[in-house]
Every structure is written in C-alpha cells, then in structure tokens.
PDB file of N, CA and C in Angstrom:
ATOM      1  N   MET A   1      -3.488   6.336   3.391  1.00  0.00           N
ATOM      2  CA  MET A   1      -4.270   5.355   2.222  1.00  0.00           C
ATOM      3  C   MET A   1      -3.583   4.969   1.456  1.00  0.00           C
ATOM      4  N   LYS A   2      -3.601   3.459   1.400  1.00  0.00           N
ATOM      5  CA  LYS A   2      -2.899   2.608   0.682  1.00  0.00           C
ATOM      6  C   LYS A   2      -3.713   1.371  -0.371  1.00  0.00           C
ATOM      7  N   THR A   3      -3.154   1.477  -1.574  1.00  0.00           N
ATOM      8  CA  THR A   3      -3.754   0.463  -2.304  1.00  0.00           C
ATOM      9  C   THR A   3      -3.730  -0.870  -1.558  1.00  0.00           C
ATOM     10  N   VAL A   4      -4.855  -1.562  -1.751  1.00  0.00           N
ATOM     11  CA  VAL A   4      -4.643  -2.932  -0.998  1.00  0.00           C
ATOM     12  C   VAL A   4      -3.966  -4.091  -2.158  1.00  0.00           C
ATOM     13  N   THR A   5      -2.867  -4.420  -1.490  1.00  0.00           N
ATOM     14  CA  THR A   5      -2.081  -5.220  -2.384  1.00  0.00           C
ATOM     15  C   THR A   5      -2.039  -6.862  -1.364  1.00  0.00           C
ATOM     16  N   LYS A   6      -1.480  -7.812  -1.846  1.00  0.00           N
ATOM     17  CA  LYS A   6      -1.639  -9.100  -1.261  1.00  0.00           C
ATOM     18  C   LYS A   6      -1.058  -9.132   0.198  1.00  0.00           C
ATOM     19  N   ASP A   7      -0.068  -8.032   0.539  1.00  0.00           N
ATOM     20  CA  ASP A   7       0.410  -8.271   1.920  1.00  0.00           C
ATOM     21  C   ASP A   7      -0.583  -7.488   2.823  1.00  0.00           C
ATOM     22  N   LEU A   8      -1.582  -6.845   2.243  1.00  0.00           N
ATOM     23  CA  LEU A   8      -2.413  -6.282   3.255  1.00  0.00           C
ATOM     24  C   LEU A   8      -3.856  -6.849   3.347  1.00  0.00           C
ATOM     25  N   LEU A   9      -4.058  -7.930   2.515  1.00  0.00           N
ATOM     26  CA  LEU A   9      -5.255  -8.809   2.776  1.00  0.00           C
ATOM     27  C   LEU A   9      -5.737  -9.020   4.049  1.00  0.00           C
ATOM     28  N   LYS A  10      -4.919  -9.375   4.895  1.00  0.00           N
ATOM     29  CA  LYS A  10      -5.215  -9.786   6.437  1.00  0.00           C
ATOM     30  C   LYS A  10      -5.728  -8.779   7.229  1.00  0.00           C
ATOM     31  N   ASN A  11      -5.003  -7.534   6.855  1.00  0.00           N
ATOM     32  CA  ASN A  11      -5.370  -6.263   7.419  1.00  0.00           C
ATOM     33  C   ASN A  11      -6.991  -6.004   7.044  1.00  0.00           C
ATOM     34  N   VAL A  12      -7.266  -6.203   5.902  1.00  0.00           N
ATOM     35  CA  VAL A  12      -8.553  -5.875   5.324  1.00  0.00           C
ATOM     36  C   VAL A  12      -9.532  -6.911   5.987  1.00  0.00           C
ATOM     37  N   LEU A  13      -9.014  -8.144   6.058  1.00  0.00           N
ATOM     38  CA  LEU A  13     -10.003  -9.104   6.487  1.00  0.00           C
ATOM     39  C   LEU A  13     -10.284  -8.795   8.202  1.00  0.00           C
ATOM     40  N   LYS A  14      -9.425  -8.264   9.064  1.00  0.00           N
ATOM     41  CA  LYS A  14      -9.594  -7.748  10.177  1.00  0.00           C
ATOM     42  C   LYS A  14     -10.864  -6.712  10.324  1.00  0.00           C
ATOM     43  N   ILE A  15     -10.735  -5.963   9.252  1.00  0.00           N
ATOM     44  CA  ILE A  15     -11.924  -5.039   9.276  1.00  0.00           C
ATOM     45  C   ILE A  15     -12.968  -5.489   8.892  1.00  0.00           C
ATOM     46  N   TYR A  16     -13.022  -6.348   7.861  1.00  0.00           N
ATOM     47  CA  TYR A  16     -14.216  -7.135   7.524  1.00  0.00           C
ATOM     48  C   TYR A  16     -14.979  -7.739   8.762  1.00  0.00           C
ATOM     49  N   ASP A  17     -14.115  -8.637   9.621  1.00  0.00           N
ATOM     50  CA  ASP A  17     -14.398  -9.131  10.588  1.00  0.00           C
ATOM     51  C   ASP A  17     -15.029  -8.396  11.670  1.00  0.00           C
ATOM     52  N   THR A  18     -15.054  -7.160  11.797  1.00  0.00           N
ATOM     53  CA  THR A  18     -15.605  -6.190  12.609  1.00  0.00           C
ATOM     54  C   THR A  18     -17.065  -6.087  12.382  1.00  0.00           C
ATOM     55  N   ASN A  19     -17.498  -6.382  11.161  1.00  0.00           N
ATOM     56  CA  ASN A  19     -18.860  -6.078  10.703  1.00  0.00           C
ATOM     57  C   ASN A  19     -19.583  -7.304  10.457  1.00  0.00           C
ATOM     58  N   GLU A  20     -19.589  -8.166  11.396  1.00  0.00           N
ATOM     59  CA  GLU A  20     -20.126  -9.560  11.165  1.00  0.00           C
ATOM     60  C   GLU A  20     -21.498  -9.730  10.904  1.00  0.00           C
ATOM     61  N   GLU A  21     -22.311  -8.445  11.125  1.00  0.00           N
ATOM     62  CA  GLU A  21     -24.025  -8.547  10.811  1.00  0.00           C
ATOM     63  C   GLU A  21     -24.063  -8.132   9.284  1.00  0.00           C
ATOM     64  N   TYR A  22     -23.128  -7.293   8.631  1.00  0.00           N
ATOM     65  CA  TYR A  22     -23.209  -6.833   7.627  1.00  0.00           C
ATOM     66  C   TYR A  22     -23.219  -8.256   6.676  1.00  0.00           C
ATOM     67  N   PHE A  23     -21.941  -8.860   7.013  1.00  0.00           N
ATOM     68  CA  PHE A  23     -21.655 -10.144   6.128  1.00  0.00           C
ATOM     69  C   PHE A  23     -22.801 -11.326   6.179  1.00  0.00           C
ATOM     70  N   LYS A  24     -23.193 -11.293   7.482  1.00  0.00           N
ATOM     71  CA  LYS A  24     -24.443 -12.308   7.383  1.00  0.00           C
ATOM     72  C   LYS A  24     -25.350 -12.151   6.430  1.00  0.00           C
ATOM     73  N   VAL A  25     -25.867 -11.023   6.374  1.00  0.00           N
ATOM     74  CA  VAL A  25     -26.774 -10.540   5.257  1.00  0.00           C
ATOM     75  C   VAL A  25     -26.398 -10.301   4.051  1.00  0.00           C
ATOM     76  N   SER A  26     -25.202  -9.958   3.796  1.00  0.00           N
ATOM     77  CA  SER A  26     -24.626  -9.883   2.380  1.00  0.00           C
ATOM     78  C   SER A  26     -24.085 -11.172   1.716  1.00  0.00           C
ATOM     79  N   MET A  27     -23.664 -11.977   2.579  1.00  0.00           N
ATOM     80  CA  MET A  27     -22.803 -12.887   2.040  1.00  0.00           C
ATOM     81  C   MET A  27     -23.177 -14.432   2.641  1.00  0.00           C
ATOM     82  N   ASN A  28     -24.236 -14.369   3.323  1.00  0.00           N
ATOM     83  CA  ASN A  28     -24.763 -15.534   4.106  1.00  0.00           C
ATOM     84  C   ASN A  28     -23.424 -16.154   4.945  1.00  0.00           C
ATOM     85  N   GLY A  29     -22.771 -15.440   5.532  1.00  0.00           N
ATOM     86  CA  GLY A  29     -21.670 -16.170   6.034  1.00  0.00           C
ATOM     87  C   GLY A  29     -20.310 -15.033   6.767  1.00  0.00           C
ATOM     88  N   LYS A  30     -19.231 -15.629   6.749  1.00  0.00           N
ATOM     89  CA  LYS A  30     -18.385 -14.934   7.277  1.00  0.00           C
ATOM     90  C   LYS A  30     -17.263 -14.505   5.998  1.00  0.00           C
ATOM     91  N   PRO A  31     -16.678 -13.255   6.037  1.00  0.00           N
ATOM     92  CA  PRO A  31     -15.738 -12.884   5.223  1.00  0.00           C
ATOM     93  C   PRO A  31     -14.399 -13.693   5.090  1.00  0.00           C
ATOM     94  N   SER A  32     -13.920 -13.844   3.902  1.00  0.00           N
ATOM     95  CA  SER A  32     -12.366 -14.541   3.682  1.00  0.00           C
ATOM     96  C   SER A  32     -11.525 -13.767   2.806  1.00  0.00           C
ATOM     97  N   ILE A  33     -10.390 -14.396   2.804  1.00  0.00           N
ATOM     98  CA  ILE A  33      -9.232 -13.749   1.920  1.00  0.00           C
ATOM     99  C   ILE A  33      -9.882 -13.574   0.564  1.00  0.00           C
ATOM    100  N   GLU A  34     -10.539 -14.780   0.366  1.00  0.00           N
ATOM    101  CA  GLU A  34     -11.249 -15.035  -1.284  1.00  0.00           C
ATOM    102  C   GLU A  34     -12.159 -14.047  -1.335  1.00  0.00           C
ATOM    103  N   SER A  35     -12.960 -13.677  -0.439  1.00  0.00           N
ATOM    104  CA  SER A  35     -14.229 -12.691  -0.697  1.00  0.00           C
ATOM    105  C   SER A  35     -13.549 -11.300  -0.734  1.00  0.00           C
ATOM    106  N   ILE A  36     -12.481 -11.074  -0.095  1.00  0.00           N
ATOM    107  CA  ILE A  36     -11.741  -9.584  -0.415  1.00  0.00           C
ATOM    108  C   ILE A  36     -11.163  -9.605  -1.590  1.00  0.00           C
ATOM    109  N   ILE A  37     -10.644 -10.604  -1.957  1.00  0.00           N
ATOM    110  CA  ILE A  37      -9.917 -10.577  -3.587  1.00  0.00           C
ATOM    111  C   ILE A  37     -11.288 -10.420  -4.562  1.00  0.00           C
ATOM    112  N   GLU A  38     -12.512 -11.091  -4.340  1.00  0.00           N
ATOM    113  CA  GLU A  38     -13.500 -10.749  -5.089  1.00  0.00           C
ATOM    114  C   GLU A  38     -14.300  -9.374  -4.964  1.00  0.00           C
ATOM    115  N   ASP A  39     -14.168  -8.852  -3.957  1.00  0.00           N
ATOM    116  CA  ASP A  39     -14.459  -7.305  -3.898  1.00  0.00           C
ATOM    117  C   ASP A  39     -13.541  -6.699  -4.487  1.00  0.00           C
ATOM    118  N   LYS A  40     -12.271  -6.833  -4.350  1.00  0.00           N
ATOM    119  CA  LYS A  40     -11.203  -5.965  -5.001  1.00  0.00           C
ATOM    120  C   LYS A  40     -11.255  -5.906  -6.474  1.00  0.00           C
ATOM    121  N   ASN A  41     -11.685  -7.273  -7.006  1.00  0.00           N
ATOM    122  CA  ASN A  41     -11.813  -7.266  -8.768  1.00  0.00           C
ATOM    123  C   ASN A  41     -13.005  -7.135  -9.179  1.00  0.00           C
ATOM    124  N   ASP A  42     -13.859  -6.893  -8.486  1.00  0.00           N
ATOM    125  CA  ASP A  42     -15.368  -7.011  -8.984  1.00  0.00           C
ATOM    126  C   ASP A  42     -15.733  -5.560  -9.589  1.00  0.00           C
ATOM    127  N   ILE A  43     -16.218  -5.377 -10.625  1.00  0.00           N
ATOM    128  CA  ILE A  43     -16.559  -4.285 -11.509  1.00  0.00           C
ATOM    129  C   ILE A  43     -17.740  -4.136 -11.782  1.00  0.00           C
ATOM    130  N   PRO A  44     -18.571  -3.126 -12.092  1.00  0.00           N
ATOM    131  CA  PRO A  44     -19.836  -3.273 -12.895  1.00  0.00           C
ATOM    132  C   PRO A  44     -19.790  -3.536 -14.330  1.00  0.00           C
ATOM    133  N   PRO A  45     -20.802  -4.022 -15.015  1.00  0.00           N
ATOM    134  CA  PRO A  45     -20.461  -4.164 -16.635  1.00  0.00           C
ATOM    135  C   PRO A  45     -20.391  -3.071 -17.249  1.00  0.00           C
ATOM    136  N   GLY A  46     -19.472  -3.176 -18.094  1.00  0.00           N
ATOM    137  CA  GLY A  46     -19.061  -1.892 -19.164  1.00  0.00           C
ATOM    138  C   GLY A  46     -18.113  -1.168 -18.511  1.00  0.00           C
ATOM    139  N   SER A  47     -17.631  -1.393 -17.353  1.00  0.00           N
ATOM    140  CA  SER A  47     -16.454  -0.886 -16.774  1.00  0.00           C
ATOM    141  C   SER A  47     -15.341  -1.627 -16.592  1.00  0.00           C
ATOM    142  N   ASN A  48     -14.111  -1.081 -16.313  1.00  0.00           N
ATOM    143  CA  ASN A  48     -12.806  -1.788 -16.319  1.00  0.00           C
ATOM    144  C   ASN A  48     -12.215  -1.429 -14.906  1.00  0.00           C
ATOM    145  N   LEU A  49     -11.246  -2.480 -14.523  1.00  0.00           N
ATOM    146  CA  LEU A  49     -10.605  -2.519 -13.274  1.00  0.00           C
ATOM    147  C   LEU A  49      -9.604  -1.374 -13.075  1.00  0.00           C
ATOM    148  N   GLN A  50      -9.323  -0.511 -14.149  1.00  0.00           N
ATOM    149  CA  GLN A  50      -8.278   0.851 -14.038  1.00  0.00           C
ATOM    150  C   GLN A  50      -9.275   1.625 -13.534  1.00  0.00           C
ATOM    151  N   ASN A  51     -10.649   1.706 -13.514  1.00  0.00           N
ATOM    152  CA  ASN A  51     -11.321   2.745 -13.141  1.00  0.00           C
ATOM    153  C   ASN A  51     -11.814   2.555 -11.560  1.00  0.00           C
ATOM    154  N   LYS A  52     -11.386   1.407 -10.968  1.00  0.00           N
ATOM    155  CA  LYS A  52     -11.589   0.990  -9.422  1.00  0.00           C
ATOM    156  C   LYS A  52     -10.659   1.344  -8.569  1.00  0.00           C
ATOM    157  N   ASN A  53     -11.062   1.862  -7.580  1.00  0.00           N
ATOM    158  CA  ASN A  53      -9.964   2.229  -6.314  1.00  0.00           C
ATOM    159  C   ASN A  53     -10.572   1.517  -5.249  1.00  0.00           C
ATOM    160  N   TYR A  54      -9.464   0.428  -4.696  1.00  0.00           N
ATOM    161  CA  TYR A  54      -9.938  -0.177  -3.433  1.00  0.00           C
ATOM    162  C   TYR A  54      -8.721  -0.039  -2.577  1.00  0.00           C
ATOM    163  N   LYS A  55      -8.874   0.756  -1.543  1.00  0.00           N
ATOM    164  CA  LYS A  55      -7.738   1.532  -0.570  1.00  0.00           C
ATOM    165  C   LYS A  55      -8.130   0.838   0.781  1.00  0.00           C
ATOM    166  N   LEU A  56      -6.951   0.888   1.560  1.00  0.00           N
ATOM    167  CA  LEU A  56      -7.002   0.851   2.959  1.00  0.00           C
ATOM    168  C   LEU A  56      -6.844   2.164   3.597  1.00  0.00           C
ATOM    169  N   ILE A  57      -7.661   2.462   4.305  1.00  0.00           N
ATOM    170  CA  ILE A  57      -7.542   3.783   4.990  1.00  0.00           C
ATOM    171  C   ILE A  57      -7.063   3.603   6.439  1.00  0.00           C
ATOM    172  N   SER A  58      -6.162   4.082   7.013  1.00  0.00           N
ATOM    173  CA  SER A  58      -5.825   3.831   8.466  1.00  0.00           C
ATOM    174  C   SER A  58      -5.776   5.072   9.093  1.00  0.00           C
ATOM    175  N   ILE A  59      -6.027   5.098  10.362  1.00  0.00           N
ATOM    176  CA  ILE A  59      -5.931   6.149  11.356  1.00  0.00           C
ATOM    177  C   ILE A  59      -4.892   5.726  12.478  1.00  0.00           C
ATOM    178  N   ASN A  60      -3.908   6.754  12.636  1.00  0.00           N
ATOM    179  CA  ASN A  60      -2.799   6.435  13.679  1.00  0.00           C
ATOM    180  C   ASN A  60      -2.110   5.039  13.372  1.00  0.00           C
ATOM    181  N   GLY A  61      -1.779   4.720  11.970  1.00  0.00           N
ATOM    182  CA  GLY A  61      -0.967   3.618  11.788  1.00  0.00           C
ATOM    183  C   GLY A  61      -1.798   2.615  11.321  1.00  0.00           C
TER     184      GLY A  61
END
C-alpha cells in the first residue's frame, strides 16, 4: 500500500480507466489526472485533509 504521490498518478489513472461505466455515470466522461487530484484532495465539510487516506494498493507489484 502506497500513499498516492505525483509520480503514481498515471498508475491510478490506469485503474480509473478500467471502470469506464462508473465514470460515465459519476463524471459524465473520462477520468483524468486532474480528476484524480480532485478526488485525492476532496474532503467532506468540517473535515481536514490530514484525516483522509488516499492509497494505491497493488497485488504482485
């Protein structure tokens, strides 16, 4: 499990791209590096970014 940093954004995008139907419904389009950054930094009202975990979990590397 790795914290998602700038160098891992392309890896996350590859995962997002495998779920095309979800993004058609939730975003009316295709995910992008910008949408990943938004997801990574989006928090509920009254919360703070230190309470959020946005990780990349990989199996066999």
